[in-house]
Amino acid sequence: MKIDRFVQFLLFVIAVSLVAIALHPYLFPPVASAQSGGVHSFYVEPGTYMLREPDARGQVLGKVMIDLSNGDVWGFPTLTREPYPATGSQTTPQTSHPFLLGKFALSEAEK
């Protein structure tokens, strides 16, 4: 007799747990977001261009990227016609540090 009641209790607990698992997405749906806050979306201009440094020190070859969230135009020096920063003499990957070239007033385009 005690085994029957114990088995019935276990089956009841299992049934309640399965119902809770099945109803959880309906009672507490996951939050859907179209955009995440920490990621910038960039438009990468194809090819490399001669970039004029902002302090007028000179010019350097590099990539142009536009931050679509705020309209900032960034220049990433590559120093060569390659689409990424590379020099033939170094075997380690190079890092290109951007500098601000200008800004597009994207908010005015909504009018």
Protein backbone atom coordinates (compact mmCIF):
# COMPACT_ATOMS: atom_id res chain seq x y z
CA MET A 1 0.00 0.00 0.00
CA LYS A 2 2.73 2.45 0.88
CA ILE A 3 4.47 1.80 -2.44
CA ASP A 4 1.30 2.62 -4.36
CA ARG A 5 0.91 5.95 -2.58
CA PHE A 6 4.61 6.74 -3.08
CA VAL A 7 4.38 5.94 -6.82
CA GLN A 8 1.23 8.02 -7.13
CA PHE A 9 2.96 10.92 -5.36
CA LEU A 10 5.97 10.68 -7.71
CA LEU A 11 3.70 10.55 -10.76
CA PHE A 12 1.82 13.60 -9.46
CA VAL A 13 5.10 15.51 -8.98
CA ILE A 14 6.24 14.55 -12.48
CA ALA A 15 2.91 15.62 -13.99
CA VAL A 16 2.97 18.99 -12.21
CA SER A 17 6.56 19.55 -13.30
CA LEU A 18 5.74 18.78 -16.93
CA VAL A 19 2.78 21.17 -16.86
CA ALA A 20 5.00 23.89 -15.34
CA ILE A 21 7.64 23.35 -18.04
CA ALA A 22 4.98 23.45 -20.78
CA LEU A 23 3.29 26.61 -19.46
CA HIS A 24 6.43 28.58 -18.65
CA PRO A 25 6.94 30.04 -22.18
CA TYR A 26 3.30 31.17 -22.27
CA LEU A 27 3.27 32.72 -18.80
CA PHE A 28 6.75 34.29 -19.02
CA PRO A 29 7.63 34.77 -22.70
CA PRO A 30 11.27 35.59 -23.47
CA VAL A 31 12.03 39.22 -24.24
CA ALA A 32 12.62 39.85 -27.94
CA SER A 33 14.81 42.75 -29.00
CA ALA A 34 15.58 43.83 -32.53
CA GLN A 35 18.87 45.45 -31.61
CA SER A 36 21.39 44.97 -28.89
CA GLY A 37 22.77 48.06 -27.22
CA GLY A 38 26.49 47.31 -27.26
CA VAL A 39 27.06 46.56 -30.91
CA HIS A 40 27.88 49.23 -33.47
CA SER A 41 26.82 48.72 -37.04
CA PHE A 42 29.42 49.91 -39.52
CA TYR A 43 29.31 50.39 -43.25
CA VAL A 44 32.70 49.45 -44.68
CA GLU A 45 33.55 51.31 -47.87
CA PRO A 46 35.03 48.91 -50.43
CA GLY A 47 38.65 49.46 -51.39
CA THR A 48 41.35 51.58 -49.81
CA TYR A 49 41.66 55.35 -50.05
CA MET A 50 44.20 58.04 -49.36
CA LEU A 51 43.06 59.40 -45.99
CA ARG A 52 43.99 62.91 -44.89
CA GLU A 53 44.97 62.92 -41.24
CA PRO A 54 42.83 65.33 -39.16
CA ASP A 55 45.76 67.37 -37.86
CA ALA A 56 47.02 67.90 -41.46
CA ARG A 57 50.28 66.02 -40.77
CA GLY A 58 49.92 64.11 -43.99
CA GLN A 59 48.10 61.38 -45.80
CA VAL A 60 47.94 57.66 -45.29
CA LEU A 61 46.32 54.75 -47.14
CA GLY A 62 43.43 53.14 -45.32
CA LYS A 63 39.84 51.95 -45.09
CA VAL A 64 36.82 54.19 -44.57
CA MET A 65 34.06 53.03 -42.22
CA ILE A 66 30.83 54.81 -41.28
CA ASP A 67 29.21 54.22 -37.91
CA LEU A 68 25.53 53.94 -38.86
CA SER A 69 24.33 54.64 -35.32
CA ASN A 70 25.66 58.21 -35.18
CA GLY A 71 27.10 59.10 -38.62
CA ASP A 72 30.76 59.26 -37.60
CA VAL A 73 33.17 58.58 -40.46
CA TRP A 74 36.31 56.76 -39.34
CA GLY A 75 39.57 56.15 -41.14
CA PHE A 76 41.54 53.00 -40.37
CA PRO A 77 45.11 53.22 -41.69
CA THR A 78 46.34 50.14 -43.54
CA LEU A 79 49.56 51.78 -44.90
CA THR A 80 49.26 49.61 -48.05
CA ARG A 81 46.69 48.90 -50.76
CA GLU A 82 45.72 45.76 -48.83
CA PRO A 83 42.25 45.90 -47.20
CA TYR A 84 43.76 45.12 -43.79
CA PRO A 85 46.77 46.47 -41.87
CA ALA A 86 49.81 44.45 -42.86
CA THR A 87 53.49 44.97 -43.36
CA GLY A 88 55.74 42.44 -45.02
CA SER A 89 58.48 42.73 -42.43
CA GLN A 90 56.48 41.76 -39.33
CA THR A 91 55.08 38.31 -38.64
CA THR A 92 52.57 39.34 -35.97
CA PRO A 93 49.10 40.74 -36.84
CA GLN A 94 48.98 44.53 -36.95
CA THR A 95 46.38 46.71 -35.24
CA SER A 96 44.97 49.76 -37.00
CA HIS A 97 43.87 52.60 -34.71
CA PRO A 98 41.08 54.72 -36.22
CA PHE A 99 40.87 58.47 -36.45
CA LEU A 100 37.77 60.57 -37.03
CA LEU A 101 37.47 61.90 -40.57
CA GLY A 102 34.10 63.61 -40.31
CA LYS A 103 30.45 63.16 -39.48
CA PHE A 104 27.23 62.70 -41.43
CA ALA A 105 24.17 64.38 -39.88
CA LEU A 106 21.95 61.31 -40.16
CA SER A 107 19.26 62.86 -37.96
CA GLU A 108 18.61 65.55 -40.59
CA ALA A 109 17.90 62.91 -43.24
CA GLU A 110 14.70 61.89 -41.41
CA LYS A 111 12.93 65.18 -42.14
